[in-house]
C-alpha cells in the first residue's frame, strides 16, 4: 500500500500540472471518448480519469509525442491510436518504440492496448491513454445510492519502469466524493484489486505494476461504483479510465519492456441499492429507464468481450503501427 500511495501522490500532482480539458464534463450523454499519446518526456505520471491526455501535453513536449483523440456521436464508438519510435539524442542513442490503441462505447465498455520498449535514458519513454463515456437514464427505484458493478480484465507487466491503470466514476461529469465515496469504500473494501483509495478522495480502482510487483493480472475483478439516484430523476453518470506505461527517467541505458494488454472494462448488470436507512436491496430491471446511448442497463451481462470492440481494437493496433514515426527525443528533461 505504501508503494502505491507514494506513486499516486506523484501521479495526481503530475497529472494536474497541465491545463487538461475535462472531457468527462464535455462529452455528451450517451457518447464516448478515446485519446492518448506515445513518445517520451510527457509520461511521468498518470492523468486523472476523465481528462484529455493529448490536451495535457505542454507545448515544450508536443514535438516529442504523437497523439490522437476522438469523441463519438451519441450511441457511437470512439477510437484512437498512435505510435512513436526512434533513438534518443543522449549517448549512446538508445532506441525506443511505443504505441497505444483504445476504443470505447457507452455501456458496452472499453478496451485498450499499450506497449513500450525503451530505456530510462530516453526520459520517460512510454504511452498514455484515456477512455470513457457519459450516459443517463431515468431512475424509477427508491432514492438512495446505486451500486453499479463493472468488471475489469487486464494484464499489466514490466521489466522495469511502471504500468498503471485507474478506473473511476463521475456524477454529472465530476469525480465522485462525499457520502457516496464512503459507500464506495465500504462496498469495495474486500475486493481483490485492493488499495482502492490511496491519497485520492474520489471513487477509483487502481492497479500498478513496477519493479517490485512486475506482473499484475486482473481476472474478472468487479468494482462497484456508488452512484447517487433520486426517484423520478435522471441519473447522469460516467465511467472513465486512464492508462500509463513508462521506462522511467535515469541514466540507465538498459532497454526494458512495459505493457498493458488487453484491458477490458464493461457493465455487469443492475447491481444493488443502498437505501437512506443503510439497508441494501437488489436493484430491479424496472428501475432503469431507457438510456441516452441506447444501451440497456436493466439487463445482466457476462464478462464483456464485445465482438465489434475486439475487432476494432485489432484494427487500431495495425493503424498505430502504420503511423509509427521515427523521431528524436530530448535529454536532461524531467516531468514536472
C-alpha atoms as a PDB file:
ATOM      1  CA  UNK A   1       0.000   0.000   0.000  1.00  0.00           C
ATOM      2  CA  UNK A   2       2.820   2.426   0.784  1.00  0.00           C
ATOM      3  CA  UNK A   3       4.355   1.825  -2.634  1.00  0.00           C
ATOM      4  CA  UNK A   4       1.116   2.679  -4.422  1.00  0.00           C
ATOM      5  CA  UNK A   5       0.446   5.592  -2.094  1.00  0.00           C
ATOM      6  CA  UNK A   6       3.816   7.126  -2.921  1.00  0.00           C
ATOM      7  CA  UNK A   7       3.292   6.602  -6.632  1.00  0.00           C
ATOM      8  CA  UNK A   8      -0.177   8.092  -6.707  1.00  0.00           C
ATOM      9  CA  UNK A   9       0.798  11.132  -4.712  1.00  0.00           C
ATOM     10  CA  UNK A  10       3.224  11.922  -7.536  1.00  0.00           C
ATOM     11  CA  UNK A  11       0.851  10.973 -10.339  1.00  0.00           C
ATOM     12  CA  UNK A  12      -2.099  13.027  -9.187  1.00  0.00           C
ATOM     13  CA  UNK A  13       0.071  16.123  -8.854  1.00  0.00           C
ATOM     14  CA  UNK A  14       1.812  15.461 -12.166  1.00  0.00           C
ATOM     15  CA  UNK A  15      -1.471  14.829 -13.926  1.00  0.00           C
ATOM     16  CA  UNK A  16      -2.832  18.203 -12.853  1.00  0.00           C
ATOM     17  CA  UNK A  17       0.289  20.160 -13.770  1.00  0.00           C
ATOM     18  CA  UNK A  18      -1.074  20.953 -17.218  1.00  0.00           C
ATOM     19  CA  UNK A  19      -4.366  22.529 -18.265  1.00  0.00           C
ATOM     20  CA  UNK A  20      -6.026  19.305 -19.400  1.00  0.00           C
ATOM     21  CA  UNK A  21      -9.530  19.723 -20.758  1.00  0.00           C
ATOM     22  CA  UNK A  22     -12.031  17.755 -18.674  1.00  0.00           C
ATOM     23  CA  UNK A  23     -13.699  15.533 -21.244  1.00  0.00           C
ATOM     24  CA  UNK A  24     -15.939  13.964 -18.594  1.00  0.00           C
ATOM     25  CA  UNK A  25     -17.709  17.351 -18.474  1.00  0.00           C
ATOM     26  CA  UNK A  26     -17.804  17.998 -22.237  1.00  0.00           C
ATOM     27  CA  UNK A  27     -18.676  14.559 -23.646  1.00  0.00           C
ATOM     28  CA  UNK A  28     -22.448  14.445 -24.392  1.00  0.00           C
ATOM     29  CA  UNK A  29     -24.680  11.995 -22.554  1.00  0.00           C
ATOM     30  CA  UNK A  30     -24.663   8.745 -24.488  1.00  0.00           C
ATOM     31  CA  UNK A  31     -21.316   9.477 -26.159  1.00  0.00           C
ATOM     32  CA  UNK A  32     -17.820   8.091 -25.611  1.00  0.00           C
ATOM     33  CA  UNK A  33     -14.278   9.481 -25.683  1.00  0.00           C
ATOM     34  CA  UNK A  34     -10.902   7.916 -26.532  1.00  0.00           C
ATOM     35  CA  UNK A  35      -7.483   9.555 -26.673  1.00  0.00           C
ATOM     36  CA  UNK A  36      -3.815   9.083 -25.990  1.00  0.00           C
ATOM     37  CA  UNK A  37      -0.180   9.808 -26.805  1.00  0.00           C
ATOM     38  CA  UNK A  38       3.033   7.863 -27.434  1.00  0.00           C
ATOM     39  CA  UNK A  39       6.617   9.098 -27.305  1.00  0.00           C
ATOM     40  CA  UNK A  40       8.725  10.424 -24.437  1.00  0.00           C
ATOM     41  CA  UNK A  41       9.034  13.242 -21.859  1.00  0.00           C
ATOM     42  CA  UNK A  42       5.311  13.503 -21.055  1.00  0.00           C
ATOM     43  CA  UNK A  43       4.815  10.110 -19.437  1.00  0.00           C
ATOM     44  CA  UNK A  44       5.961  10.733 -15.870  1.00  0.00           C
ATOM     45  CA  UNK A  45       2.538  10.433 -14.212  1.00  0.00           C
ATOM     46  CA  UNK A  46      -0.935   9.130 -14.939  1.00  0.00           C
ATOM     47  CA  UNK A  47      -3.578  11.775 -15.655  1.00  0.00           C
ATOM     48  CA  UNK A  48      -6.785  11.843 -13.646  1.00  0.00           C
ATOM     49  CA  UNK A  49      -9.580   9.827 -15.280  1.00  0.00           C
ATOM     50  CA  UNK A  50     -11.877  11.981 -17.386  1.00  0.00           C
ATOM     51  CA  UNK A  51      -9.188  14.356 -18.657  1.00  0.00           C
ATOM     52  CA  UNK A  52      -7.790  14.620 -22.171  1.00  0.00           C
ATOM     53  CA  UNK A  53      -4.323  13.088 -22.454  1.00  0.00           C
ATOM     54  CA  UNK A  54      -3.459  14.941 -25.719  1.00  0.00           C
ATOM     55  CA  UNK A  55      -4.616  18.305 -24.344  1.00  0.00           C
ATOM     56  CA  UNK A  56      -2.370  17.746 -21.324  1.00  0.00           C
ATOM     57  CA  UNK A  57       0.826  17.750 -23.388  1.00  0.00           C
ATOM     58  CA  UNK A  58       2.623  21.045 -22.916  1.00  0.00           C
ATOM     59  CA  UNK A  59       3.960  22.976 -25.907  1.00  0.00           C
ATOM     60  CA  UNK A  60       7.520  22.187 -24.825  1.00  0.00           C
ATOM     61  CA  UNK A  61       6.799  18.450 -25.052  1.00  0.00           C
ATOM     62  CA  UNK A  62       4.474  18.406 -28.061  1.00  0.00           C
ATOM     63  CA  UNK A  63       7.243  17.706 -30.582  1.00  0.00           C
ATOM     64  CA  UNK A  64       8.253  14.538 -28.725  1.00  0.00           C
ATOM     65  CA  UNK A  65       4.886  12.751 -28.769  1.00  0.00           C
ATOM     66  CA  UNK A  66       2.288  11.588 -31.275  1.00  0.00           C
ATOM     67  CA  UNK A  67      -1.306  11.976 -30.131  1.00  0.00           C
ATOM     68  CA  UNK A  68      -4.855  11.364 -31.303  1.00  0.00           C
ATOM     69  CA  UNK A  69      -8.300  11.635 -29.730  1.00  0.00           C
ATOM     70  CA  UNK A  70     -11.971  11.335 -30.648  1.00  0.00           C
ATOM     71  CA  UNK A  71     -15.414  11.963 -29.177  1.00  0.00           C
ATOM     72  CA  UNK A  72     -18.113   9.735 -30.651  1.00  0.00           C
ATOM     73  CA  UNK A  73     -21.646  10.574 -31.651  1.00  0.00           C
ATOM     74  CA  UNK A  74     -24.368   9.608 -29.185  1.00  0.00           C
ATOM     75  CA  UNK A  75     -24.524   5.815 -29.139  1.00  0.00           C
ATOM     76  CA  UNK A  76     -21.377   5.608 -31.254  1.00  0.00           C
ATOM     77  CA  UNK A  77     -17.855   4.257 -30.841  1.00  0.00           C
ATOM     78  CA  UNK A  78     -14.810   6.408 -30.049  1.00  0.00           C
ATOM     79  CA  UNK A  79     -11.399   5.197 -31.243  1.00  0.00           C
ATOM     80  CA  UNK A  80      -7.847   6.479 -31.065  1.00  0.00           C
ATOM     81  CA  UNK A  81      -4.433   5.010 -31.853  1.00  0.00           C
ATOM     82  CA  UNK A  82      -0.901   6.224 -32.424  1.00  0.00           C
ATOM     83  CA  UNK A  83       2.734   5.161 -32.135  1.00  0.00           C
ATOM     84  CA  UNK A  84       6.243   6.552 -31.936  1.00  0.00           C
ATOM     85  CA  UNK A  85       9.781   5.243 -32.376  1.00  0.00           C
ATOM     86  CA  UNK A  86      13.319   6.470 -32.826  1.00  0.00           C
ATOM     87  CA  UNK A  87      16.506   6.952 -30.853  1.00  0.00           C
ATOM     88  CA  UNK A  88      17.452   9.277 -28.048  1.00  0.00           C
ATOM     89  CA  UNK A  89      19.759  12.253 -28.535  1.00  0.00           C
ATOM     90  CA  UNK A  90      21.513  11.069 -25.389  1.00  0.00           C
ATOM     91  CA  UNK A  91      24.585   8.941 -25.983  1.00  0.00           C
ATOM     92  CA  UNK A  92      24.565   6.030 -26.783  1.00  0.00           C
ATOM     93  CA  UNK A  93      21.380   6.748 -28.764  1.00  0.00           C
ATOM     94  CA  UNK A  94      19.208   4.076 -27.189  1.00  0.00           C
ATOM     95  CA  UNK A  95      16.234   3.082 -29.377  1.00  0.00           C
ATOM     96  CA  UNK A  96      12.639   3.332 -28.173  1.00  0.00           C
ATOM     97  CA  UNK A  97       9.301   2.180 -29.545  1.00  0.00           C
ATOM     98  CA  UNK A  98       5.819   2.645 -28.058  1.00  0.00           C
ATOM     99  CA  UNK A  99       2.153   2.596 -29.077  1.00  0.00           C
ATOM    100  CA  UNK A 100      -1.398   2.786 -27.815  1.00  0.00           C
ATOM    101  CA  UNK A 101      -4.826   1.903 -29.182  1.00  0.00           C
ATOM    102  CA  UNK A 102      -8.105   2.470 -27.357  1.00  0.00           C
ATOM    103  CA  UNK A 103     -11.804   2.134 -28.046  1.00  0.00           C
ATOM    104  CA  UNK A 104     -14.904   2.990 -26.004  1.00  0.00           C
ATOM    105  CA  UNK A 105     -18.672   2.903 -26.324  1.00  0.00           C
ATOM    106  CA  UNK A 106     -21.267   3.949 -23.764  1.00  0.00           C
ATOM    107  CA  UNK A 107     -22.397   0.957 -21.712  1.00  0.00           C
ATOM    108  CA  UNK A 108     -20.607  -1.574 -23.923  1.00  0.00           C
ATOM    109  CA  UNK A 109     -17.291  -0.686 -22.282  1.00  0.00           C
ATOM    110  CA  UNK A 110     -13.677  -0.004 -23.134  1.00  0.00           C
ATOM    111  CA  UNK A 111     -10.663  -1.875 -24.466  1.00  0.00           C
ATOM    112  CA  UNK A 112      -7.098  -0.623 -24.727  1.00  0.00           C
ATOM    113  CA  UNK A 113      -3.616  -1.824 -25.615  1.00  0.00           C
ATOM    114  CA  UNK A 114      -0.345  -0.080 -24.701  1.00  0.00           C
ATOM    115  CA  UNK A 115       3.256  -1.208 -25.140  1.00  0.00           C
ATOM    116  CA  UNK A 116       6.635   0.428 -24.655  1.00  0.00           C
ATOM    117  CA  UNK A 117      10.221  -0.616 -25.286  1.00  0.00           C
ATOM    118  CA  UNK A 118      12.822   1.887 -24.175  1.00  0.00           C
ATOM    119  CA  UNK A 119      15.412   2.916 -21.622  1.00  0.00           C
ATOM    120  CA  UNK A 120      15.218   5.485 -18.814  1.00  0.00           C
ATOM    121  CA  UNK A 121      17.956   7.424 -20.653  1.00  0.00           C
ATOM    122  CA  UNK A 122      15.267   8.499 -23.151  1.00  0.00           C
ATOM    123  CA  UNK A 123      13.458  10.443 -20.361  1.00  0.00           C
ATOM    124  CA  UNK A 124      10.077   8.809 -19.683  1.00  0.00           C
ATOM    125  CA  UNK A 125       9.591   6.976 -22.966  1.00  0.00           C
ATOM    126  CA  UNK A 126       6.124   5.469 -22.899  1.00  0.00           C
ATOM    127  CA  UNK A 127       2.472   5.825 -23.776  1.00  0.00           C
ATOM    128  CA  UNK A 128      -0.680   7.031 -22.048  1.00  0.00           C
ATOM    129  CA  UNK A 129      -4.343   6.711 -22.938  1.00  0.00           C
ATOM    130  CA  UNK A 130      -7.717   7.684 -21.565  1.00  0.00           C
ATOM    131  CA  UNK A 131     -11.195   6.477 -22.381  1.00  0.00           C
ATOM    132  CA  UNK A 132     -14.705   6.657 -21.043  1.00  0.00           C
ATOM    133  CA  UNK A 133     -18.307   7.579 -21.585  1.00  0.00           C
ATOM    134  CA  UNK A 134     -21.205   9.571 -20.200  1.00  0.00           C
ATOM    135  CA  UNK A 135     -24.732   8.237 -20.121  1.00  0.00           C
ATOM    136  CA  UNK A 136     -28.097   8.908 -18.464  1.00  0.00           C
ATOM    137  CA  UNK A 137     -31.412   7.240 -17.723  1.00  0.00           C
ATOM    138  CA  UNK A 138     -34.490   7.986 -15.619  1.00  0.00           C
ATOM    139  CA  UNK A 139     -34.418   6.177 -12.270  1.00  0.00           C
ATOM    140  CA  UNK A 140     -37.741   4.629 -11.174  1.00  0.00           C
ATOM    141  CA  UNK A 141     -36.473   2.992  -7.987  1.00  0.00           C
ATOM    142  CA  UNK A 142     -36.157   4.372  -4.477  1.00  0.00           C
ATOM    143  CA  UNK A 143     -33.937   7.341  -3.684  1.00  0.00           C
ATOM    144  CA  UNK A 144     -30.535   6.206  -2.449  1.00  0.00           C
ATOM    145  CA  UNK A 145     -27.143   5.082  -3.783  1.00  0.00           C
ATOM    146  CA  UNK A 146     -26.963   2.690  -6.725  1.00  0.00           C
ATOM    147  CA  UNK A 147     -24.016   0.258  -6.652  1.00  0.00           C
ATOM    148  CA  UNK A 148     -23.259  -0.277 -10.354  1.00  0.00           C
ATOM    149  CA  UNK A 149     -20.968  -3.288 -10.985  1.00  0.00           C
ATOM    150  CA  UNK A 150     -18.246  -3.099 -13.633  1.00  0.00           C
ATOM    151  CA  UNK A 151     -15.848  -5.910 -14.435  1.00  0.00           C
ATOM    152  CA  UNK A 152     -12.168  -5.496 -15.276  1.00  0.00           C
ATOM    153  CA  UNK A 153      -9.840  -7.859 -17.113  1.00  0.00           C
ATOM    154  CA  UNK A 154      -6.271  -6.666 -17.601  1.00  0.00           C
ATOM    155  CA  UNK A 155      -2.634  -7.756 -17.653  1.00  0.00           C
ATOM    156  CA  UNK A 156      -0.012  -5.228 -16.545  1.00  0.00           C
ATOM    157  CA  UNK A 157       3.630  -6.247 -16.922  1.00  0.00           C
ATOM    158  CA  UNK A 158       7.010  -4.531 -16.743  1.00  0.00           C
ATOM    159  CA  UNK A 159      10.686  -5.483 -16.826  1.00  0.00           C
ATOM    160  CA  UNK A 160      11.458  -2.025 -15.436  1.00  0.00           C
ATOM    161  CA  UNK A 161       9.536   1.236 -15.251  1.00  0.00           C
ATOM    162  CA  UNK A 162       5.811   1.317 -14.443  1.00  0.00           C
ATOM    163  CA  UNK A 163       2.400   0.337 -15.774  1.00  0.00           C
ATOM    164  CA  UNK A 164      -0.695   1.905 -14.199  1.00  0.00           C
ATOM    165  CA  UNK A 165      -4.435   1.600 -14.752  1.00  0.00           C
ATOM    166  CA  UNK A 166      -7.025   3.759 -12.976  1.00  0.00           C
ATOM    167  CA  UNK A 167     -10.798   3.410 -13.313  1.00  0.00           C
ATOM    168  CA  UNK A 168     -13.216   5.983 -11.879  1.00  0.00           C
ATOM    169  CA  UNK A 169     -16.855   7.075 -11.960  1.00  0.00           C
ATOM    170  CA  UNK A 170     -18.353  10.537 -12.359  1.00  0.00           C
ATOM    171  CA  UNK A 171     -21.660  12.151 -11.435  1.00  0.00           C
ATOM    172  CA  UNK A 172     -22.653  14.982 -13.814  1.00  0.00           C
ATOM    173  CA  UNK A 173     -19.082  14.975 -15.119  1.00  0.00           C
ATOM    174  CA  UNK A 174     -17.384  15.289 -11.726  1.00  0.00           C
ATOM    175  CA  UNK A 175     -15.366  12.650  -9.895  1.00  0.00           C
ATOM    176  CA  UNK A 176     -17.483  11.350  -7.022  1.00  0.00           C
ATOM    177  CA  UNK A 177     -16.626  12.281  -3.434  1.00  0.00           C
ATOM    178  CA  UNK A 178     -18.645  12.787  -0.225  1.00  0.00           C
ATOM    179  CA  UNK A 179     -21.142  10.293   1.183  1.00  0.00           C
ATOM    180  CA  UNK A 180     -21.243   8.207  -1.984  1.00  0.00           C
ATOM    181  CA  UNK A 181     -17.462   7.886  -1.821  1.00  0.00           C
ATOM    182  CA  UNK A 182     -17.855   6.384   1.654  1.00  0.00           C
ATOM    183  CA  UNK A 183     -20.401   3.893   0.282  1.00  0.00           C
ATOM    184  CA  UNK A 184     -17.929   3.050  -2.467  1.00  0.00           C
ATOM    185  CA  UNK A 185     -15.165   2.360   0.053  1.00  0.00           C
ATOM    186  CA  UNK A 186     -17.448   0.162   2.126  1.00  0.00           C
ATOM    187  CA  UNK A 187     -18.644  -1.772  -0.930  1.00  0.00           C
ATOM    188  CA  UNK A 188     -15.159  -2.425  -2.322  1.00  0.00           C
ATOM    189  CA  UNK A 189     -13.086  -2.877   0.820  1.00  0.00           C
ATOM    190  CA  UNK A 190     -12.677  -6.638   0.402  1.00  0.00           C
ATOM    191  CA  UNK A 191     -12.251  -6.884  -3.369  1.00  0.00           C
ATOM    192  CA  UNK A 192      -9.077  -8.260  -4.894  1.00  0.00           C
ATOM    193  CA  UNK A 193      -7.874  -5.169  -6.733  1.00  0.00           C
ATOM    194  CA  UNK A 194      -7.086  -3.664  -3.312  1.00  0.00           C
ATOM    195  CA  UNK A 195      -5.675  -0.242  -2.440  1.00  0.00           C
ATOM    196  CA  UNK A 196      -8.818   1.242  -3.943  1.00  0.00           C
ATOM    197  CA  UNK A 197      -8.347   4.644  -2.346  1.00  0.00           C
ATOM    198  CA  UNK A 198      -4.836   5.768  -1.558  1.00  0.00           C
ATOM    199  CA  UNK A 199      -4.070   9.522  -1.454  1.00  0.00           C
ATOM    200  CA  UNK A 200      -7.158  10.285  -3.593  1.00  0.00           C
ATOM    201  CA  UNK A 201     -10.630  11.166  -2.320  1.00  0.00           C
ATOM    202  CA  UNK A 202     -12.754  10.082  -5.271  1.00  0.00           C
ATOM    203  CA  UNK A 203     -14.160   6.745  -6.379  1.00  0.00           C
ATOM    204  CA  UNK A 204     -11.386   4.915  -8.236  1.00  0.00           C
ATOM    205  CA  UNK A 205      -9.853   1.474  -8.614  1.00  0.00           C
ATOM    206  CA  UNK A 206      -6.097   1.451  -9.181  1.00  0.00           C
ATOM    207  CA  UNK A 207      -3.755  -1.237 -10.490  1.00  0.00           C
ATOM    208  CA  UNK A 208       0.035  -0.757 -10.594  1.00  0.00           C
ATOM    209  CA  UNK A 209       2.912  -2.909 -11.860  1.00  0.00           C
ATOM    210  CA  UNK A 210       6.531  -1.879 -11.214  1.00  0.00           C
ATOM    211  CA  UNK A 211       9.909  -3.443 -10.425  1.00  0.00           C
ATOM    212  CA  UNK A 212       8.697  -4.714  -7.037  1.00  0.00           C
ATOM    213  CA  UNK A 213       5.491  -6.163  -8.487  1.00  0.00           C
ATOM    214  CA  UNK A 214       6.237  -6.668 -12.206  1.00  0.00           C
ATOM    215  CA  UNK A 215       3.153  -8.678 -13.176  1.00  0.00           C
ATOM    216  CA  UNK A 216      -0.391  -7.708 -12.183  1.00  0.00           C
ATOM    217  CA  UNK A 217      -3.219  -9.842 -13.534  1.00  0.00           C
ATOM    218  CA  UNK A 218      -6.796  -8.682 -13.039  1.00  0.00           C
ATOM    219  CA  UNK A 219      -9.114 -11.540 -13.984  1.00  0.00           C
ATOM    220  CA  UNK A 220     -12.850 -10.774 -13.791  1.00  0.00           C
ATOM    221  CA  UNK A 221     -12.353  -8.310 -10.949  1.00  0.00           C
ATOM    222  CA  UNK A 222     -15.517  -6.433 -10.038  1.00  0.00           C
ATOM    223  CA  UNK A 223     -15.645  -2.834  -8.873  1.00  0.00           C
ATOM    224  CA  UNK A 224     -18.894  -1.360  -7.516  1.00  0.00           C
ATOM    225  CA  UNK A 225     -19.325   2.333  -8.232  1.00  0.00           C
ATOM    226  CA  UNK A 226     -21.656   4.204  -5.870  1.00  0.00           C
ATOM    227  CA  UNK A 227     -23.907   6.484  -7.946  1.00  0.00           C
ATOM    228  CA  UNK A 228     -26.489   8.747  -6.249  1.00  0.00           C
ATOM    229  CA  UNK A 229     -30.048   8.171  -7.538  1.00  0.00           C
ATOM    230  CA  UNK A 230     -33.331  10.001  -6.909  1.00  0.00           C
ATOM    231  CA  UNK A 231     -36.742   8.560  -7.739  1.00  0.00           C
ATOM    232  CA  UNK A 232     -38.146  10.008 -10.949  1.00  0.00           C
ATOM    233  CA  UNK A 233     -34.995  11.924 -11.872  1.00  0.00           C
ATOM    234  CA  UNK A 234     -32.256  11.384 -14.454  1.00  0.00           C
ATOM    235  CA  UNK A 235     -29.073   9.609 -13.428  1.00  0.00           C
ATOM    236  CA  UNK A 236     -26.184  11.379 -15.195  1.00  0.00           C
ATOM    237  CA  UNK A 237     -23.101   9.229 -14.694  1.00  0.00           C
ATOM    238  CA  UNK A 238     -19.838   8.400 -16.429  1.00  0.00           C
ATOM    239  CA  UNK A 239     -17.164   5.697 -16.324  1.00  0.00           C
ATOM    240  CA  UNK A 240     -13.620   6.853 -17.121  1.00  0.00           C
ATOM    241  CA  UNK A 241     -10.209   5.186 -17.255  1.00  0.00           C
ATOM    242  CA  UNK A 242      -6.590   6.339 -17.540  1.00  0.00           C
ATOM    243  CA  UNK A 243      -3.625   4.177 -18.527  1.00  0.00           C
ATOM    244  CA  UNK A 244       0.131   4.798 -18.379  1.00  0.00           C
ATOM    245  CA  UNK A 245       3.317   2.915 -19.181  1.00  0.00           C
ATOM    246  CA  UNK A 246       6.866   4.296 -18.994  1.00  0.00           C
ATOM    247  CA  UNK A 247      10.503   3.223 -18.798  1.00  0.00           C
ATOM    248  CA  UNK A 248      11.411   5.770 -16.131  1.00  0.00           C
ATOM    249  CA  UNK A 249      13.841   8.677 -16.031  1.00  0.00           C
ATOM    250  CA  UNK A 250      17.513   7.990 -15.199  1.00  0.00           C
ATOM    251  CA  UNK A 251      20.932   7.484 -16.764  1.00  0.00           C
ATOM    252  CA  UNK A 252      20.194   3.781 -17.198  1.00  0.00           C
ATOM    253  CA  UNK A 253      20.648   2.613 -20.803  1.00  0.00           C
ATOM    254  CA  UNK A 254      19.043  -0.793 -20.195  1.00  0.00           C
ATOM    255  CA  UNK A 255      16.120  -1.312 -22.556  1.00  0.00           C
ATOM    256  CA  UNK A 256      13.004  -2.566 -20.775  1.00  0.00           C
ATOM    257  CA  UNK A 257       9.508  -3.515 -21.883  1.00  0.00           C
ATOM    258  CA  UNK A 258       6.218  -2.332 -20.385  1.00  0.00           C
ATOM    259  CA  UNK A 259       2.766  -3.475 -21.422  1.00  0.00           C
ATOM    260  CA  UNK A 260      -0.918  -3.119 -20.546  1.00  0.00           C
ATOM    261  CA  UNK A 261      -2.871  -5.613 -22.599  1.00  0.00           C
ATOM    262  CA  UNK A 262      -5.752  -6.171 -23.088  1.00  0.00           C
ATOM    263  CA  UNK A 263      -7.709  -4.161 -20.528  1.00  0.00           C
ATOM    264  CA  UNK A 264     -11.430  -4.785 -20.972  1.00  0.00           C
ATOM    265  CA  UNK A 265     -13.912  -2.856 -18.837  1.00  0.00           C
ATOM    266  CA  UNK A 266     -17.658  -3.393 -19.013  1.00  0.00           C
ATOM    267  CA  UNK A 267     -21.001  -3.178 -17.248  1.00  0.00           C
ATOM    268  CA  UNK A 268     -22.284  -6.320 -15.495  1.00  0.00           C
ATOM    269  CA  UNK A 269     -25.911  -5.560 -14.645  1.00  0.00           C
ATOM    270  CA  UNK A 270     -28.392  -3.761 -12.371  1.00  0.00           C
ATOM    271  CA  UNK A 271     -26.459  -4.344  -9.134  1.00  0.00           C
ATOM    272  CA  UNK A 272     -27.944  -3.238  -5.818  1.00  0.00           C
ATOM    273  CA  UNK A 273     -29.031  -0.092  -3.994  1.00  0.00           C
ATOM    274  CA  UNK A 274     -28.183   1.315  -0.568  1.00  0.00           C
ATOM    275  CA  UNK A 275     -31.267   2.946   0.930  1.00  0.00           C
ATOM    276  CA  UNK A 276     -31.220   6.002   3.235  1.00  0.00           C
ATOM    277  CA  UNK A 277     -31.594   3.752   6.311  1.00  0.00           C
ATOM    278  CA  UNK A 278     -28.384   1.924   5.367  1.00  0.00           C
ATOM    279  CA  UNK A 279     -30.035  -1.276   4.184  1.00  0.00           C
ATOM    280  CA  UNK A 280     -29.105  -2.802   0.826  1.00  0.00           C
ATOM    281  CA  UNK A 281     -31.587  -4.215  -1.679  1.00  0.00           C
ATOM    282  CA  UNK A 282     -31.246  -5.669  -5.165  1.00  0.00           C
ATOM    283  CA  UNK A 283     -31.901  -3.204  -7.966  1.00  0.00           C
ATOM    284  CA  UNK A 284     -34.810  -4.174 -10.194  1.00  0.00           C
ATOM    285  CA  UNK A 285     -34.593  -4.084 -14.001  1.00  0.00           C
ATOM    286  CA  UNK A 286     -37.758  -1.964 -13.943  1.00  0.00           C
ATOM    287  CA  UNK A 287     -35.821   0.742 -12.053  1.00  0.00           C
ATOM    288  CA  UNK A 288     -33.850   1.603 -15.203  1.00  0.00           C
ATOM    289  CA  UNK A 289     -35.387   3.779 -17.894  1.00  0.00           C
ATOM    290  CA  UNK A 290     -34.158   3.986 -21.484  1.00  0.00           C
ATOM    291  CA  UNK A 291     -30.631   5.403 -21.685  1.00  0.00           C
ATOM    292  CA  UNK A 292     -29.393   8.292 -23.817  1.00  0.00           C
ATOM    293  CA  UNK A 293     -26.944   5.952 -25.581  1.00  0.00           C
ATOM    294  CA  UNK A 294     -29.496   3.220 -26.252  1.00  0.00           C
ATOM    295  CA  UNK A 295     -27.591   0.744 -24.052  1.00  0.00           C
ATOM    296  CA  UNK A 296     -29.874  -1.349 -21.814  1.00  0.00           C
ATOM    297  CA  UNK A 297     -28.693  -1.003 -18.208  1.00  0.00           C
ATOM    298  CA  UNK A 298     -31.597  -3.139 -16.939  1.00  0.00           C
ATOM    299  CA  UNK A 299     -30.039  -6.328 -18.302  1.00  0.00           C
ATOM    300  CA  UNK A 300     -27.423  -8.632 -16.754  1.00  0.00           C
ATOM    301  CA  UNK A 301     -24.290  -9.175 -18.817  1.00  0.00           C
ATOM    302  CA  UNK A 302     -21.337 -11.547 -18.609  1.00  0.00           C
ATOM    303  CA  UNK A 303     -17.662 -10.642 -18.814  1.00  0.00           C
ATOM    304  CA  UNK A 304     -17.597  -8.111 -21.668  1.00  0.00           C
ATOM    305  CA  UNK A 305     -15.859  -9.189 -24.816  1.00  0.00           C
ATOM    306  CA  UNK A 306     -17.851  -7.202 -27.397  1.00  0.00           C
ATOM    307  CA  UNK A 307     -17.032  -8.606 -30.810  1.00  0.00           C
ATOM    308  CA  UNK A 308     -17.132  -5.222 -32.519  1.00  0.00           C
ATOM    309  CA  UNK A 309     -14.865  -3.672 -29.898  1.00  0.00           C
ATOM    310  CA  UNK A 310     -12.365  -6.527 -30.122  1.00  0.00           C
ATOM    311  CA  UNK A 311     -12.203  -6.373 -33.912  1.00  0.00           C
ATOM    312  CA  UNK A 312     -11.850  -2.603 -33.929  1.00  0.00           C
ATOM    313  CA  UNK A 313      -9.064  -2.764 -31.358  1.00  0.00           C
ATOM    314  CA  UNK A 314      -7.157  -5.201 -33.581  1.00  0.00           C
ATOM    315  CA  UNK A 315      -7.547  -2.767 -36.451  1.00  0.00           C
ATOM    316  CA  UNK A 316      -6.412   0.125 -34.302  1.00  0.00           C
ATOM    317  CA  UNK A 317      -3.242  -1.732 -33.386  1.00  0.00           C
ATOM    318  CA  UNK A 318      -2.432  -2.095 -37.072  1.00  0.00           C
ATOM    319  CA  UNK A 319      -3.189   1.585 -37.605  1.00  0.00           C
ATOM    320  CA  UNK A 320      -0.831   2.539 -34.806  1.00  0.00           C
ATOM    321  CA  UNK A 321       1.987   0.540 -36.349  1.00  0.00           C
ATOM    322  CA  UNK A 322       1.312   2.078 -39.754  1.00  0.00           C
ATOM    323  CA  UNK A 323       1.538   5.563 -38.257  1.00  0.00           C
ATOM    324  CA  UNK A 324       4.783   4.859 -36.393  1.00  0.00           C
ATOM    325  CA  UNK A 325       7.034   7.865 -36.876  1.00  0.00           C
ATOM    326  CA  UNK A 326      10.753   7.929 -36.312  1.00  0.00           C
ATOM    327  CA  UNK A 327      11.700  10.955 -34.197  1.00  0.00           C
ATOM    328  CA  UNK A 328      14.365  12.425 -31.976  1.00  0.00           C
ATOM    329  CA  UNK A 329      13.990  12.898 -28.238  1.00  0.00           C
ATOM    330  CA  UNK A 330      15.250  15.390 -25.676  1.00  0.00           C
ATOM    331  CA  UNK A 331      17.817  14.809 -22.995  1.00  0.00           C
ATOM    332  CA  UNK A 332      18.045  16.010 -19.442  1.00  0.00           C
ATOM    333  CA  UNK A 333      14.333  16.854 -19.138  1.00  0.00           C
ATOM    334  CA  UNK A 334      12.201  15.716 -16.218  1.00  0.00           C
ATOM    335  CA  UNK A 335       8.439  15.546 -15.781  1.00  0.00           C
ATOM    336  CA  UNK A 336       7.008  18.494 -13.859  1.00  0.00           C
END
